Amino acid sequence: MNASSPNYETARQIQAVLVLHFIEGLKQSEIAARFNLSTSKVNRLIAQGRKMGMVKIDIESRFQHLIDYENRLIASTCLTGAVITPTASGNPDTTLQQVGRAAANLLLETVRDGDVIAITGGKAVSAVINNLLPDTLRDVTVVPLTGGVQGKYFTDVNHLATKMAERLGGKAMLVHAPLFAETRGQRDMILEIGPVKDVFDLARRADVALLGVGSMEPAGSSYYDLNPVPEADRKMLVGVGVAAELMAHLIRDNGEVADYPLNNRLVALNPNDLAGCGRTIGVASGQEKARPIRAALNGGYLDALVMDEETALTVLNNEKRSDNVA
């Protein structure tokens, strides 16, 4: 036996202490009382057992495959963080709420007192806000990344900013301007109005940006709620490679902002402005979001991404096919 190894009696005592502590869940003080030892002696025996390699922790989870997908996504893209939730088969609303809860938890882990949070509108962002349940309130400021659209609650970014601020215990600064100006010149004039400019300047350097990734598929797109587009224009946009909507801007498969007239009338930050934010978190649910997600990743707009399993698998499979073609 190695001179540094304990004798049989000591090794047996160490094993008994380890079993009681790690398997039966007894506190060190309870073990000390059972064996008539001091608590410090029990602590030393546990430390000695660890040093000898007698403690091996094996954590098993039925969700390990989701963590593996997250790691693959991070390894193959520009992302530094990813969260993938189970997909509720045949129930997109339940899936969206699960994604919203996961994104809400990620947001709560990320924000600190004094932070500025910039957000878009959209169903996914609305789901995040609905699932915000902070243990402690945070002194944050919530600002929109775009102008507002009256109508459905999830398209009204001012409403969502106010609701998020209330949930977190912070304050909201709003953009009292429409999302779409009538002309490019009018858009430029609105962006120079003091209160609007101040909010967007704050959004450009937000500590955290939270945004939905929009689809161009009519069934899953909030873009057509924001701005009804004729069927002919929809087909034209898809035909010229428009893949996604981000901050109300249409973007191509390669991530570039599309040369589309409505983009020039937007009262909103440009997706390229996200580079000034501390961390940008994208949220998406549904397989129709796979192509938009790829476009957003190609543009390098996201630091972290929260989505469901089926969507993640589609994104990963598309990434693998792209690598094979290359």
Protein backbone atom coordinates (compact mmCIF):
# COMPACT_ATOMS: atom_id res chain seq x y z
CA MET A 1 0.00 0.00 0.00
CA ASN A 2 1.25 3.50 -0.81
CA ALA A 3 2.53 5.31 2.25
CA SER A 4 0.08 8.16 1.62
CA SER A 5 -2.89 5.80 1.40
CA PRO A 6 -5.03 5.39 4.53
CA ASN A 7 -5.16 2.08 6.37
CA TYR A 8 -8.20 -0.16 6.06
CA GLU A 9 -9.98 1.23 9.13
CA THR A 10 -9.60 4.83 7.93
CA ALA A 11 -10.59 3.97 4.37
CA ARG A 12 -13.71 2.21 5.69
CA GLN A 13 -14.57 5.23 7.81
CA ILE A 14 -14.14 7.53 4.83
CA GLN A 15 -16.43 5.31 2.75
CA ALA A 16 -19.11 5.26 5.45
CA VAL A 17 -19.00 9.05 5.76
CA LEU A 18 -19.19 9.51 1.97
CA VAL A 19 -22.19 7.18 1.67
CA LEU A 20 -24.07 8.96 4.43
CA HIS A 21 -23.27 12.40 3.02
CA PHE A 22 -23.64 11.97 -0.74
CA ILE A 23 -26.10 9.07 -1.01
CA GLU A 24 -28.27 9.34 2.09
CA GLY A 25 -28.04 13.14 2.20
CA LEU A 26 -27.01 13.58 5.85
CA LYS A 27 -25.44 16.85 6.94
CA GLN A 28 -21.89 16.81 8.21
CA SER A 29 -23.10 17.66 11.72
CA GLU A 30 -25.48 14.65 11.65
CA ILE A 31 -22.68 12.33 10.54
CA ALA A 32 -20.44 13.71 13.27
CA ALA A 33 -23.07 12.95 15.90
CA ARG A 34 -23.61 9.40 14.58
CA PHE A 35 -19.89 8.50 14.68
CA ASN A 36 -19.02 10.66 17.69
CA LEU A 37 -16.64 12.76 15.62
CA SER A 38 -16.11 16.49 15.36
CA THR A 39 -17.68 18.24 12.35
CA SER A 40 -14.21 19.34 11.24
CA LYS A 41 -13.07 15.68 11.29
CA VAL A 42 -16.02 14.71 9.06
CA ASN A 43 -15.13 17.56 6.72
CA ARG A 44 -11.53 16.32 6.51
CA LEU A 45 -12.65 12.74 5.79
CA ILE A 46 -14.88 13.96 2.94
CA ALA A 47 -12.03 16.06 1.54
CA GLN A 48 -9.68 13.07 1.80
CA GLY A 49 -12.19 10.85 0.01
CA ARG A 50 -12.48 13.36 -2.81
CA LYS A 51 -8.69 13.57 -3.11
CA MET A 52 -8.46 9.78 -3.32
CA GLY A 53 -10.97 9.72 -6.19
CA MET A 54 -13.62 7.89 -4.17
CA VAL A 55 -16.33 10.42 -5.15
CA LYS A 56 -17.57 10.25 -8.71
CA ILE A 57 -20.59 12.32 -9.69
CA ASP A 58 -22.65 11.10 -12.63
CA ILE A 59 -25.58 13.29 -13.65
CA GLU A 60 -28.18 11.76 -15.94
CA SER A 61 -30.95 13.72 -17.63
CA ARG A 62 -33.55 12.81 -20.23
CA PHE A 63 -32.85 16.24 -21.72
CA GLN A 64 -29.14 15.61 -22.32
CA HIS A 65 -29.73 15.44 -26.08
CA LEU A 66 -31.01 19.03 -26.01
CA ILE A 67 -27.80 20.16 -24.34
CA ASP A 68 -25.86 18.29 -27.03
CA TYR A 69 -27.82 20.17 -29.71
CA GLU A 70 -27.04 23.45 -27.96
CA ASN A 71 -23.33 22.67 -27.97
CA ARG A 72 -23.44 21.73 -31.66
CA LEU A 73 -25.21 24.97 -32.48
CA ILE A 74 -22.64 27.04 -30.61
CA ALA A 75 -19.76 25.16 -32.23
CA SER A 76 -21.09 25.66 -35.77
CA THR A 77 -22.27 29.29 -35.60
CA CYS A 78 -21.39 32.71 -34.21
CA LEU A 79 -23.48 32.05 -31.09
CA THR A 80 -21.96 32.12 -27.62
CA GLY A 81 -25.11 30.76 -25.96
CA ALA A 82 -28.11 28.63 -26.91
CA VAL A 83 -31.14 27.18 -25.12
CA ILE A 84 -33.29 24.51 -26.77
CA THR A 85 -36.62 23.42 -25.31
CA PRO A 86 -38.73 20.34 -26.07
CA THR A 87 -41.28 20.70 -28.87
CA ALA A 88 -44.88 20.00 -27.88
CA SER A 89 -45.91 17.98 -30.92
CA GLY A 90 -49.04 19.32 -32.57
CA ASN A 91 -49.31 22.22 -30.14
CA PRO A 92 -47.43 25.31 -31.37
CA ASP A 93 -48.88 27.54 -28.64
CA THR A 94 -47.54 25.28 -25.88
CA THR A 95 -44.18 25.11 -27.64
CA LEU A 96 -44.06 28.91 -27.87
CA GLN A 97 -44.79 29.28 -24.16
CA GLN A 98 -42.01 26.77 -23.31
CA VAL A 99 -39.58 28.76 -25.42
CA GLY A 100 -40.83 31.93 -23.75
CA ARG A 101 -40.19 30.52 -20.28
CA ALA A 102 -36.68 29.43 -21.22
CA ALA A 103 -35.90 32.84 -22.72
CA ALA A 104 -37.37 34.58 -19.66
CA ASN A 105 -35.04 32.56 -17.41
CA LEU A 106 -32.06 33.38 -19.62
CA LEU A 107 -32.97 37.07 -19.51
CA LEU A 108 -33.24 37.01 -15.71
CA GLU A 109 -29.83 35.33 -15.50
CA THR A 110 -28.37 38.01 -17.76
CA VAL A 111 -29.71 41.40 -16.62
CA ARG A 112 -28.30 43.37 -13.71
CA ASP A 113 -29.37 46.53 -11.90
CA GLY A 114 -28.77 49.57 -14.08
CA ASP A 115 -29.00 47.67 -17.35
CA VAL A 116 -30.81 48.90 -20.44
CA ILE A 117 -32.93 46.26 -22.22
CA ALA A 118 -33.96 46.93 -25.83
CA ILE A 119 -36.79 44.87 -27.34
CA THR A 120 -38.80 44.31 -30.49
CA GLY A 121 -42.46 43.43 -30.71
CA GLY A 122 -43.70 40.01 -31.77
CA LYS A 123 -45.38 36.89 -30.40
CA ALA A 124 -42.12 35.37 -29.15
CA VAL A 125 -41.09 38.48 -27.20
CA SER A 126 -44.63 38.67 -25.81
CA ALA A 127 -44.29 35.05 -24.63
CA VAL A 128 -41.01 35.92 -22.88
CA ILE A 129 -42.60 38.83 -21.04
CA ASN A 130 -45.63 36.76 -20.01
CA ASN A 131 -43.27 34.25 -18.40
CA LEU A 132 -41.08 36.74 -16.53
CA LEU A 133 -41.28 35.83 -12.83
CA PRO A 134 -38.29 37.46 -11.13
CA ASP A 135 -37.39 36.49 -7.56
CA THR A 136 -36.10 40.01 -7.00
CA LEU A 137 -36.90 43.24 -8.81
CA ARG A 138 -34.29 44.87 -11.01
CA ASP A 139 -33.60 48.54 -11.60
CA VAL A 140 -33.61 48.37 -15.40
CA THR A 141 -34.71 50.59 -18.27
CA VAL A 142 -36.65 48.99 -21.13
CA VAL A 143 -36.70 50.67 -24.54
CA PRO A 144 -38.09 49.74 -27.99
CA LEU A 145 -35.88 48.95 -30.96
CA THR A 146 -38.62 50.10 -33.35
CA GLY A 147 -41.49 52.50 -33.65
CA GLY A 148 -44.94 51.34 -32.62
CA VAL A 149 -47.90 49.74 -34.34
CA GLN A 150 -51.33 49.92 -32.81
CA GLY A 151 -53.42 46.78 -32.99
CA LYS A 152 -52.67 43.35 -31.63
CA TYR A 153 -50.98 43.51 -28.25
CA PHE A 154 -47.91 41.57 -29.41
CA THR A 155 -47.22 44.01 -32.28
CA ASP A 156 -47.32 47.06 -29.99
CA VAL A 157 -43.70 47.35 -28.86
CA ASN A 158 -44.49 50.24 -26.51
CA HIS A 159 -47.06 48.09 -24.73
CA LEU A 160 -44.55 45.24 -24.43
CA ALA A 161 -41.79 47.55 -23.17
CA THR A 162 -44.11 48.93 -20.50
CA LYS A 163 -45.22 45.45 -19.47
CA MET A 164 -41.64 44.16 -19.24
CA ALA A 165 -40.59 47.14 -17.13
CA GLU A 166 -43.49 46.51 -14.76
CA ARG A 167 -42.64 42.82 -14.44
CA LEU A 168 -38.99 43.56 -13.67
CA GLY A 169 -39.61 46.55 -11.42
CA GLY A 170 -37.90 49.03 -13.73
CA LYS A 171 -39.04 51.81 -16.03
CA ALA A 172 -39.82 52.11 -19.74
CA MET A 173 -38.89 54.83 -22.21
CA LEU A 174 -41.17 54.73 -25.26
CA VAL A 175 -40.99 55.73 -28.90
CA HIS A 176 -44.07 57.79 -29.74
CA ALA A 177 -43.75 57.38 -33.49
CA PRO A 178 -45.18 54.99 -36.10
CA LEU A 179 -43.17 52.05 -37.33
CA PHE A 180 -43.67 53.01 -40.99
CA ALA A 181 -43.25 56.59 -42.20
CA GLU A 182 -44.99 57.67 -45.40
CA THR A 183 -41.70 58.55 -47.11
CA ARG A 184 -37.99 58.13 -46.53
CA GLY A 185 -37.66 61.85 -45.90
CA GLN A 186 -40.38 61.74 -43.28
CA ARG A 187 -38.60 58.78 -41.65
CA ASP A 188 -35.36 60.76 -41.49
CA MET A 189 -37.15 63.72 -39.92
CA ILE A 190 -38.84 61.53 -37.27
CA LEU A 191 -35.52 59.94 -36.33
CA GLU A 192 -34.11 63.40 -35.56
CA ILE A 193 -36.93 64.37 -33.19
CA GLY A 194 -35.34 64.72 -29.75
CA PRO A 195 -37.36 62.19 -27.68
CA VAL A 196 -37.25 59.60 -30.47
CA LYS A 197 -33.53 60.09 -31.02
CA ASP A 198 -32.80 59.83 -27.30
CA VAL A 199 -34.58 56.46 -26.97
CA PHE A 200 -32.92 54.98 -30.05
CA ASP A 201 -29.50 56.24 -28.93
CA LEU A 202 -30.08 54.40 -25.66
CA ALA A 203 -31.20 51.28 -27.54
CA ARG A 204 -28.00 51.30 -29.65
CA ARG A 205 -25.90 50.76 -26.55
CA ALA A 206 -28.32 48.54 -24.62
CA ASP A 207 -26.78 45.98 -22.30
CA VAL A 208 -29.24 43.36 -23.56
CA ALA A 209 -31.31 43.28 -26.75
CA LEU A 210 -34.22 40.82 -26.97
CA LEU A 211 -35.74 40.25 -30.38
CA GLY A 212 -38.00 37.92 -32.27
CA VAL A 213 -36.92 36.42 -35.57
CA GLY A 214 -39.72 36.80 -38.09
CA SER A 215 -40.73 34.46 -40.90
CA MET A 216 -41.88 35.44 -44.38
CA GLU A 217 -44.32 32.52 -44.44
CA PRO A 218 -47.82 34.02 -44.12
CA ALA A 219 -48.99 31.46 -41.53
CA GLY A 220 -46.23 32.30 -39.07
CA SER A 221 -45.37 35.90 -39.81
CA SER A 222 -46.04 38.95 -37.66
CA TYR A 223 -44.65 41.09 -40.49
CA TYR A 224 -47.94 40.92 -42.35
CA ASP A 225 -49.70 42.10 -39.20
CA LEU A 226 -47.41 45.11 -39.17
CA ASN A 227 -47.80 45.84 -42.86
CA PRO A 228 -50.25 44.01 -45.14
CA VAL A 229 -48.31 43.01 -48.26
CA PRO A 230 -50.05 42.02 -51.51
CA GLU A 231 -49.70 38.37 -52.51
CA ALA A 232 -47.67 39.33 -55.59
CA ASP A 233 -45.16 41.20 -53.40
CA ARG A 234 -44.87 38.24 -51.03
CA LYS A 235 -43.93 35.93 -53.89
CA MET A 236 -41.54 38.53 -55.28
CA LEU A 237 -39.79 38.91 -51.91
CA VAL A 238 -39.27 35.17 -51.53
CA GLY A 239 -38.11 34.99 -55.15
CA VAL A 240 -35.37 37.58 -54.64
CA GLY A 241 -34.01 35.78 -51.57
CA VAL A 242 -35.74 37.61 -48.72
CA ALA A 243 -35.70 35.09 -45.87
CA ALA A 244 -36.57 36.86 -42.64
CA GLU A 245 -37.78 39.88 -40.77
CA LEU A 246 -35.58 41.34 -38.04
CA MET A 247 -36.53 44.54 -36.23
CA ALA A 248 -39.13 44.99 -39.04
CA HIS A 249 -36.34 44.95 -41.65
CA LEU A 250 -36.46 42.34 -44.38
CA ILE A 251 -33.17 40.47 -44.66
CA ARG A 252 -31.78 38.05 -47.21
CA ASP A 253 -30.52 34.50 -46.71
CA ASN A 254 -26.96 35.82 -46.41
CA GLY A 255 -28.01 38.12 -43.57
CA GLU A 256 -27.83 41.39 -45.50
CA VAL A 257 -30.65 43.91 -45.21
CA ALA A 258 -32.70 43.67 -48.42
CA ASP A 259 -32.98 46.53 -50.88
CA TYR A 260 -36.74 46.83 -50.40
CA PRO A 261 -38.50 50.24 -50.37
CA LEU A 262 -40.31 49.65 -47.07
CA ASN A 263 -36.97 49.12 -45.30
CA ASN A 264 -36.15 52.76 -46.10
CA ARG A 265 -39.32 53.99 -44.44
CA LEU A 266 -38.85 52.20 -41.13
CA VAL A 267 -38.71 54.19 -37.92
CA ALA A 268 -36.42 51.66 -36.29
CA LEU A 269 -32.81 50.83 -35.64
CA ASN A 270 -31.02 48.92 -38.38
CA PRO A 271 -30.05 45.31 -37.52
CA ASN A 272 -26.41 46.37 -37.92
CA ASP A 273 -26.90 48.69 -34.92
CA LEU A 274 -27.12 45.60 -32.71
CA ALA A 275 -23.32 45.46 -32.82
CA GLY A 276 -23.31 48.18 -30.15
CA CYS A 277 -25.39 46.13 -27.70
CA GLY A 278 -23.80 44.08 -24.96
CA ARG A 279 -25.68 40.85 -25.66
CA THR A 280 -28.33 40.10 -28.26
CA ILE A 281 -30.79 37.29 -27.55
CA GLY A 282 -33.01 35.93 -30.32
CA VAL A 283 -36.22 34.03 -29.62
CA ALA A 284 -38.08 31.86 -32.13
CA SER A 285 -40.50 28.92 -32.18
CA GLY A 286 -41.73 26.79 -35.07
CA GLN A 287 -40.02 25.09 -38.01
CA GLU A 288 -41.04 27.94 -40.33
CA LYS A 289 -38.48 29.99 -38.38
CA ALA A 290 -35.53 27.77 -39.38
CA ARG A 291 -34.68 29.68 -42.55
CA PRO A 292 -35.08 33.10 -40.86
CA ILE A 293 -32.84 31.93 -38.03
CA ARG A 294 -30.16 30.87 -40.50
CA ALA A 295 -30.36 34.31 -42.13
CA ALA A 296 -30.01 36.04 -38.75
CA LEU A 297 -27.03 33.84 -37.89
CA ASN A 298 -25.44 34.51 -41.29
CA GLY A 299 -25.72 38.22 -40.55
CA GLY A 300 -24.03 37.77 -37.17
CA TYR A 301 -26.86 39.58 -35.41
CA LEU A 302 -27.34 37.18 -32.48
CA ASP A 303 -25.14 36.25 -29.51
CA ALA A 304 -27.64 33.83 -27.97
CA LEU A 305 -30.67 31.99 -29.30
CA VAL A 306 -33.66 30.29 -27.65
CA MET A 307 -35.83 27.94 -29.74
CA ASP A 308 -37.59 24.57 -29.68
CA GLU A 309 -36.10 21.18 -30.54
CA GLU A 310 -37.71 20.61 -33.95
CA THR A 311 -36.68 24.07 -35.11
CA ALA A 312 -33.15 23.51 -33.82
CA LEU A 313 -32.83 20.20 -35.65
CA THR A 314 -33.93 21.83 -38.90
CA VAL A 315 -31.36 24.60 -38.42
CA LEU A 316 -28.62 22.08 -37.60
CA ASN A 317 -29.49 19.86 -40.56
CA ASN A 318 -29.45 22.85 -42.89
CA GLU A 319 -26.04 23.82 -41.47
CA LYS A 320 -24.73 20.31 -42.09
CA ARG A 321 -25.99 20.33 -45.69
CA SER A 322 -24.37 23.73 -46.26
CA ASP A 323 -21.04 22.37 -45.02
CA ASN A 324 -21.30 19.37 -47.34
CA VAL A 325 -22.03 21.59 -50.33
CA ALA A 326 -19.10 23.82 -49.47
